[in-house]
Amino acid sequence: MQNKGLLIVISGPSGAGKGTICKALLEKNKDIKISVSCTTRMPRDGEIDGVNYYFINKEKFAEMIEKNDFLEYATVYGNYYGTPRSYVEEEINKGNDIILEIDIQGALMVKERYPEGVFIFILPPSMEELKNRIIKRGSETEESFNKRFSAAYDEIKYMSKYDYAVVNDVVEDAVRKVESIIVAEKCRCNRMLKTGYFEQEGK
């Protein structure tokens, strides 16, 4: 029987470096695919529709909710984010590993619907460093910065809901840790048993 792929969910507080880790991970591992989420927020400088996100309006997003087209969706800072269901399920059933880089609300929703996923929480090396990273983005107003930084303290409390935590101090080190987690998960006995790996032919 063909092994199912892993659903690898990566999230953490805003500014922890989730996107940077995912980008480096995908560059090193061409066999891992990323699920592109839909969002109603405006693109940031350099973001490309269909690559970073599918940028859609709220009317289209509501229509997709009605059709149950999302594996998860959530409202974050007044904008909607959602993971298209069909692509993720198709790729996993083909045996491909899929990464979801999503917010904490969405990750917890996925965990309810797909508990066999691998849930990884990305942490900043310190709250001071987190503050610096958000400021360096240059995309936040004073009001939105204060909102994000305040929310980060509450978001970190959800770390206990995840399977693993990785501190993103040096990106290369963080990526190696995520790679090690993926290898270990593929070697778990319960995953191999579910595929019939140990069944003898004719029994």
C-alpha atoms as a PDB file:
ATOM      1  CA  MET A   1       0.000   0.000   0.000  1.00  0.00           C
ATOM      2  CA  GLN A   2       1.185   3.536  -0.727  1.00  0.00           C
ATOM      3  CA  ASN A   3       2.066   5.557   2.330  1.00  0.00           C
ATOM      4  CA  LYS A   4       0.027   8.689   2.850  1.00  0.00           C
ATOM      5  CA  GLY A   5       1.954  11.901   2.973  1.00  0.00           C
ATOM      6  CA  LEU A   6       2.386  13.957   6.121  1.00  0.00           C
ATOM      7  CA  LEU A   7       0.389  17.081   6.837  1.00  0.00           C
ATOM      8  CA  ILE A   8       2.929  19.351   8.550  1.00  0.00           C
ATOM      9  CA  VAL A   9       1.366  22.363  10.242  1.00  0.00           C
ATOM     10  CA  ILE A  10       3.754  25.198  11.117  1.00  0.00           C
ATOM     11  CA  SER A  11       2.544  28.183  13.107  1.00  0.00           C
ATOM     12  CA  GLY A  12       3.448  30.533  15.921  1.00  0.00           C
ATOM     13  CA  PRO A  13       3.207  34.199  16.861  1.00  0.00           C
ATOM     14  CA  SER A  14       3.492  36.886  14.193  1.00  0.00           C
ATOM     15  CA  GLY A  15       7.159  37.720  13.618  1.00  0.00           C
ATOM     16  CA  ALA A  16       8.536  34.372  14.827  1.00  0.00           C
ATOM     17  CA  GLY A  17       9.834  33.582  11.331  1.00  0.00           C
ATOM     18  CA  LYS A  18       7.395  30.910  10.119  1.00  0.00           C
ATOM     19  CA  GLY A  19       7.614  32.065   6.510  1.00  0.00           C
ATOM     20  CA  THR A  20      11.407  32.222   6.512  1.00  0.00           C
ATOM     21  CA  ILE A  21      11.675  28.677   7.864  1.00  0.00           C
ATOM     22  CA  CYS A  22       9.150  27.316   5.370  1.00  0.00           C
ATOM     23  CA  LYS A  23      10.903  28.996   2.441  1.00  0.00           C
ATOM     24  CA  ALA A  24      14.292  27.551   3.435  1.00  0.00           C
ATOM     25  CA  LEU A  25      12.749  24.131   4.076  1.00  0.00           C
ATOM     26  CA  LEU A  26      11.147  24.032   0.622  1.00  0.00           C
ATOM     27  CA  GLU A  27      14.362  25.136  -1.087  1.00  0.00           C
ATOM     28  CA  LYS A  28      16.241  22.240   0.524  1.00  0.00           C
ATOM     29  CA  ASN A  29      13.488  19.621   0.098  1.00  0.00           C
ATOM     30  CA  LYS A  30      11.970  19.641  -3.383  1.00  0.00           C
ATOM     31  CA  ASP A  31       9.691  16.713  -2.490  1.00  0.00           C
ATOM     32  CA  ILE A  32       7.797  18.781   0.093  1.00  0.00           C
ATOM     33  CA  LYS A  33       4.958  20.958  -1.166  1.00  0.00           C
ATOM     34  CA  ILE A  34       3.292  23.962   0.409  1.00  0.00           C
ATOM     35  CA  SER A  35      -0.409  24.622   0.447  1.00  0.00           C
ATOM     36  CA  VAL A  36      -1.192  28.156  -0.677  1.00  0.00           C
ATOM     37  CA  SER A  37      -3.862  29.732   1.514  1.00  0.00           C
ATOM     38  CA  CYS A  38      -6.601  32.151   0.514  1.00  0.00           C
ATOM     39  CA  THR A  39      -6.792  35.534   2.208  1.00  0.00           C
ATOM     40  CA  THR A  40      -8.855  38.690   1.996  1.00  0.00           C
ATOM     41  CA  ARG A  41      -5.997  40.954   3.131  1.00  0.00           C
ATOM     42  CA  MET A  42      -4.098  43.165   0.700  1.00  0.00           C
ATOM     43  CA  PRO A  43      -0.782  41.860  -0.683  1.00  0.00           C
ATOM     44  CA  ARG A  44       2.425  43.075   0.961  1.00  0.00           C
ATOM     45  CA  ASP A  45       5.286  44.346  -1.203  1.00  0.00           C
ATOM     46  CA  GLY A  46       6.748  41.479  -3.228  1.00  0.00           C
ATOM     47  CA  GLU A  47       3.902  39.024  -2.591  1.00  0.00           C
ATOM     48  CA  ILE A  48       2.512  37.259  -5.660  1.00  0.00           C
ATOM     49  CA  ASP A  49      -1.046  36.026  -6.112  1.00  0.00           C
ATOM     50  CA  GLY A  50      -1.112  32.225  -6.321  1.00  0.00           C
ATOM     51  CA  VAL A  51       2.392  31.928  -4.861  1.00  0.00           C
ATOM     52  CA  ASN A  52       2.270  33.538  -1.413  1.00  0.00           C
ATOM     53  CA  TYR A  53      -1.544  33.566  -1.135  1.00  0.00           C
ATOM     54  CA  TYR A  54      -4.630  33.556  -3.267  1.00  0.00           C
ATOM     55  CA  PHE A  55      -5.830  37.118  -2.720  1.00  0.00           C
ATOM     56  CA  ILE A  56      -9.627  37.130  -2.948  1.00  0.00           C
ATOM     57  CA  ASN A  57     -12.436  39.412  -1.767  1.00  0.00           C
ATOM     58  CA  LYS A  58     -14.722  38.708   1.182  1.00  0.00           C
ATOM     59  CA  GLU A  59     -17.667  37.790  -1.059  1.00  0.00           C
ATOM     60  CA  LYS A  60     -15.652  35.019  -2.758  1.00  0.00           C
ATOM     61  CA  PHE A  61     -14.350  33.813   0.602  1.00  0.00           C
ATOM     62  CA  ALA A  62     -17.890  33.582   2.016  1.00  0.00           C
ATOM     63  CA  GLU A  63     -18.953  31.587  -1.037  1.00  0.00           C
ATOM     64  CA  MET A  64     -16.132  29.083  -0.459  1.00  0.00           C
ATOM     65  CA  ILE A  65     -17.159  28.712   3.196  1.00  0.00           C
ATOM     66  CA  GLU A  66     -20.701  27.889   2.087  1.00  0.00           C
ATOM     67  CA  LYS A  67     -19.362  25.186  -0.229  1.00  0.00           C
ATOM     68  CA  ASN A  68     -17.178  23.702   2.569  1.00  0.00           C
ATOM     69  CA  ASP A  69     -14.114  24.332   0.420  1.00  0.00           C
ATOM     70  CA  PHE A  70     -11.761  25.034   3.345  1.00  0.00           C
ATOM     71  CA  LEU A  71      -9.875  22.612   5.568  1.00  0.00           C
ATOM     72  CA  GLU A  72      -9.757  25.511   8.018  1.00  0.00           C
ATOM     73  CA  TYR A  73     -10.399  29.205   8.033  1.00  0.00           C
ATOM     74  CA  ALA A  74     -10.073  32.000  10.546  1.00  0.00           C
ATOM     75  CA  THR A  75     -10.286  35.737  11.033  1.00  0.00           C
ATOM     76  CA  VAL A  76      -6.977  37.387  11.942  1.00  0.00           C
ATOM     77  CA  TYR A  77      -6.726  41.138  12.548  1.00  0.00           C
ATOM     78  CA  GLY A  78      -9.889  41.741  10.554  1.00  0.00           C
ATOM     79  CA  ASN A  79      -8.934  39.632   7.527  1.00  0.00           C
ATOM     80  CA  TYR A  80      -9.951  36.095   6.547  1.00  0.00           C
ATOM     81  CA  TYR A  81      -7.470  33.270   5.909  1.00  0.00           C
ATOM     82  CA  GLY A  82      -8.333  29.748   4.755  1.00  0.00           C
ATOM     83  CA  THR A  83      -6.720  26.537   3.492  1.00  0.00           C
ATOM     84  CA  PRO A  84      -8.323  25.029   0.362  1.00  0.00           C
ATOM     85  CA  ARG A  85      -9.363  21.485   1.277  1.00  0.00           C
ATOM     86  CA  SER A  86      -9.185  19.653  -2.061  1.00  0.00           C
ATOM     87  CA  TYR A  87      -5.520  20.294  -2.891  1.00  0.00           C
ATOM     88  CA  VAL A  88      -4.290  19.220   0.560  1.00  0.00           C
ATOM     89  CA  GLU A  89      -6.300  15.993   0.630  1.00  0.00           C
ATOM     90  CA  GLU A  90      -5.353  15.031  -2.927  1.00  0.00           C
ATOM     91  CA  GLU A  91      -1.621  15.497  -2.360  1.00  0.00           C
ATOM     92  CA  ILE A  92      -1.585  13.639   0.962  1.00  0.00           C
ATOM     93  CA  ASN A  93      -3.421  10.695  -0.588  1.00  0.00           C
ATOM     94  CA  LYS A  94      -0.803  10.631  -3.366  1.00  0.00           C
ATOM     95  CA  GLY A  95       1.890  10.211  -0.720  1.00  0.00           C
ATOM     96  CA  ASN A  96       3.184  13.785  -0.878  1.00  0.00           C
ATOM     97  CA  ASP A  97       4.093  15.794   2.225  1.00  0.00           C
ATOM     98  CA  ILE A  98       2.261  19.102   2.549  1.00  0.00           C
ATOM     99  CA  ILE A  99       3.212  22.087   4.717  1.00  0.00           C
ATOM    100  CA  LEU A 100       0.591  24.455   6.051  1.00  0.00           C
ATOM    101  CA  GLU A 101       2.017  27.749   7.280  1.00  0.00           C
ATOM    102  CA  ILE A 102      -0.993  29.124   9.130  1.00  0.00           C
ATOM    103  CA  ASP A 103      -2.040  31.116  12.165  1.00  0.00           C
ATOM    104  CA  ILE A 104      -2.757  29.505  15.523  1.00  0.00           C
ATOM    105  CA  GLN A 105      -6.549  29.652  15.186  1.00  0.00           C
ATOM    106  CA  GLY A 106      -6.356  27.777  11.910  1.00  0.00           C
ATOM    107  CA  ALA A 107      -3.845  25.236  13.221  1.00  0.00           C
ATOM    108  CA  LEU A 108      -6.110  24.284  16.117  1.00  0.00           C
ATOM    109  CA  MET A 109      -9.031  23.876  13.733  1.00  0.00           C
ATOM    110  CA  VAL A 110      -6.937  21.565  11.526  1.00  0.00           C
ATOM    111  CA  LYS A 111      -5.933  19.550  14.597  1.00  0.00           C
ATOM    112  CA  GLU A 112      -9.590  18.857  15.343  1.00  0.00           C
ATOM    113  CA  ARG A 113     -10.259  17.685  11.784  1.00  0.00           C
ATOM    114  CA  TYR A 114      -6.905  16.018  11.066  1.00  0.00           C
ATOM    115  CA  PRO A 115      -5.298  14.961  14.394  1.00  0.00           C
ATOM    116  CA  GLU A 116      -2.725  12.735  12.645  1.00  0.00           C
ATOM    117  CA  GLY A 117      -1.017  15.863  11.323  1.00  0.00           C
ATOM    118  CA  VAL A 118       2.356  17.000  12.656  1.00  0.00           C
ATOM    119  CA  PHE A 119       1.991  20.296  14.539  1.00  0.00           C
ATOM    120  CA  ILE A 120       5.111  22.455  15.003  1.00  0.00           C
ATOM    121  CA  PHE A 121       5.168  25.717  16.968  1.00  0.00           C
ATOM    122  CA  ILE A 122       7.811  28.290  15.987  1.00  0.00           C
ATOM    123  CA  LEU A 123       9.149  30.462  18.820  1.00  0.00           C
ATOM    124  CA  PRO A 124      11.280  33.611  18.671  1.00  0.00           C
ATOM    125  CA  PRO A 125      14.539  33.515  20.683  1.00  0.00           C
ATOM    126  CA  SER A 126      13.100  36.266  22.915  1.00  0.00           C
ATOM    127  CA  MET A 127      10.190  38.690  23.062  1.00  0.00           C
ATOM    128  CA  GLU A 128      12.599  41.579  22.459  1.00  0.00           C
ATOM    129  CA  GLU A 129      13.771  39.944  19.247  1.00  0.00           C
ATOM    130  CA  LEU A 130      10.160  39.359  18.252  1.00  0.00           C
ATOM    131  CA  LYS A 131       9.488  43.082  18.684  1.00  0.00           C
ATOM    132  CA  ASN A 132      12.491  43.940  16.494  1.00  0.00           C
ATOM    133  CA  ARG A 133      11.397  41.573  13.738  1.00  0.00           C
ATOM    134  CA  ILE A 134       7.903  43.040  13.574  1.00  0.00           C
ATOM    135  CA  ILE A 135       9.312  46.584  13.439  1.00  0.00           C
ATOM    136  CA  LYS A 136      11.775  45.647  10.659  1.00  0.00           C
ATOM    137  CA  ARG A 137       8.897  44.534   8.448  1.00  0.00           C
ATOM    138  CA  GLY A 138       7.960  48.172   8.040  1.00  0.00           C
ATOM    139  CA  SER A 139       4.389  47.222   7.198  1.00  0.00           C
ATOM    140  CA  GLU A 140       2.762  47.973  10.532  1.00  0.00           C
ATOM    141  CA  THR A 141       1.166  51.141  11.864  1.00  0.00           C
ATOM    142  CA  GLU A 142       1.757  51.932  15.518  1.00  0.00           C
ATOM    143  CA  GLU A 143      -1.733  50.658  16.314  1.00  0.00           C
ATOM    144  CA  SER A 144      -1.352  47.383  14.406  1.00  0.00           C
ATOM    145  CA  PHE A 145       2.144  46.835  15.877  1.00  0.00           C
ATOM    146  CA  ASN A 146       0.847  47.198  19.423  1.00  0.00           C
ATOM    147  CA  LYS A 147      -1.994  44.823  18.617  1.00  0.00           C
ATOM    148  CA  ARG A 148       0.301  42.154  17.148  1.00  0.00           C
ATOM    149  CA  PHE A 149       2.906  42.371  19.895  1.00  0.00           C
ATOM    150  CA  SER A 150       0.300  42.189  22.641  1.00  0.00           C
ATOM    151  CA  ALA A 151      -1.364  39.214  20.942  1.00  0.00           C
ATOM    152  CA  ALA A 152       1.975  37.364  20.761  1.00  0.00           C
ATOM    153  CA  TYR A 153       2.000  36.859  24.543  1.00  0.00           C
ATOM    154  CA  ASP A 154      -1.406  35.188  24.389  1.00  0.00           C
ATOM    155  CA  GLU A 155      -0.489  33.136  21.297  1.00  0.00           C
ATOM    156  CA  ILE A 156       2.565  31.589  22.963  1.00  0.00           C
ATOM    157  CA  LYS A 157       0.270  30.071  25.599  1.00  0.00           C
ATOM    158  CA  TYR A 158      -1.069  27.733  22.899  1.00  0.00           C
ATOM    159  CA  MET A 159       2.303  26.027  22.485  1.00  0.00           C
ATOM    160  CA  SER A 160       1.113  23.126  24.660  1.00  0.00           C
ATOM    161  CA  LYS A 161      -1.443  22.215  21.969  1.00  0.00           C
ATOM    162  CA  TYR A 162       1.349  21.366  19.524  1.00  0.00           C
ATOM    163  CA  ASP A 163       3.534  18.284  19.127  1.00  0.00           C
ATOM    164  CA  TYR A 164       6.856  20.118  18.843  1.00  0.00           C
ATOM    165  CA  ALA A 165       8.364  23.557  19.484  1.00  0.00           C
ATOM    166  CA  VAL A 166      11.319  24.983  17.541  1.00  0.00           C
ATOM    167  CA  VAL A 167      13.134  28.175  18.559  1.00  0.00           C
ATOM    168  CA  ASN A 168      13.998  30.242  15.488  1.00  0.00           C
ATOM    169  CA  ASP A 169      17.285  31.857  16.458  1.00  0.00           C
ATOM    170  CA  VAL A 170      19.503  30.763  13.549  1.00  0.00           C
ATOM    171  CA  VAL A 171      17.319  29.883  10.558  1.00  0.00           C
ATOM    172  CA  GLU A 172      19.548  27.037   9.344  1.00  0.00           C
ATOM    173  CA  ASP A 173      19.422  25.377  12.771  1.00  0.00           C
ATOM    174  CA  ALA A 174      15.647  25.756  12.967  1.00  0.00           C
ATOM    175  CA  VAL A 175      15.238  24.199   9.511  1.00  0.00           C
ATOM    176  CA  ARG A 176      17.408  21.216  10.487  1.00  0.00           C
ATOM    177  CA  LYS A 177      15.229  20.649  13.543  1.00  0.00           C
ATOM    178  CA  VAL A 178      12.054  20.686  11.445  1.00  0.00           C
ATOM    179  CA  GLU A 179      13.663  18.226   8.995  1.00  0.00           C
ATOM    180  CA  SER A 180      14.546  15.933  11.911  1.00  0.00           C
ATOM    181  CA  ILE A 181      10.948  16.062  13.141  1.00  0.00           C
ATOM    182  CA  ILE A 182       9.673  15.025   9.690  1.00  0.00           C
ATOM    183  CA  VAL A 183      12.107  12.087   9.509  1.00  0.00           C
ATOM    184  CA  ALA A 184      11.129  10.925  13.008  1.00  0.00           C
ATOM    185  CA  GLU A 185       7.414  11.142  12.223  1.00  0.00           C
ATOM    186  CA  LYS A 186       7.848   8.971   9.118  1.00  0.00           C
ATOM    187  CA  CYS A 187       9.465   6.307  11.321  1.00  0.00           C
ATOM    188  CA  ARG A 188       6.659   6.170  13.884  1.00  0.00           C
ATOM    189  CA  CYS A 189       5.290   2.664  14.283  1.00  0.00           C
ATOM    190  CA  ASN A 190       1.642   3.716  14.339  1.00  0.00           C
ATOM    191  CA  ARG A 191       1.981   5.387  10.934  1.00  0.00           C
ATOM    192  CA  MET A 192       3.639   2.312   9.419  1.00  0.00           C
ATOM    193  CA  LEU A 193       1.036  -0.010  10.926  1.00  0.00           C
ATOM    194  CA  LYS A 194      -1.791   2.024   9.401  1.00  0.00           C
ATOM    195  CA  THR A 195      -0.338   1.482   5.922  1.00  0.00           C
ATOM    196  CA  GLY A 196      -0.183  -2.298   6.374  1.00  0.00           C
ATOM    197  CA  TYR A 197       3.629  -2.180   6.240  1.00  0.00           C
ATOM    198  CA  PHE A 198       4.042  -5.160   8.562  1.00  0.00           C
ATOM    199  CA  GLU A 199       1.338  -7.325   7.040  1.00  0.00           C
ATOM    200  CA  GLN A 200       2.648 -10.429   5.319  1.00  0.00           C
ATOM    201  CA  GLU A 201       1.478 -11.183   1.815  1.00  0.00           C
ATOM    202  CA  GLY A 202      -1.449 -13.605   1.769  1.00  0.00           C
ATOM    203  CA  LYS A 203      -2.579 -12.854   5.338  1.00  0.00           C
END
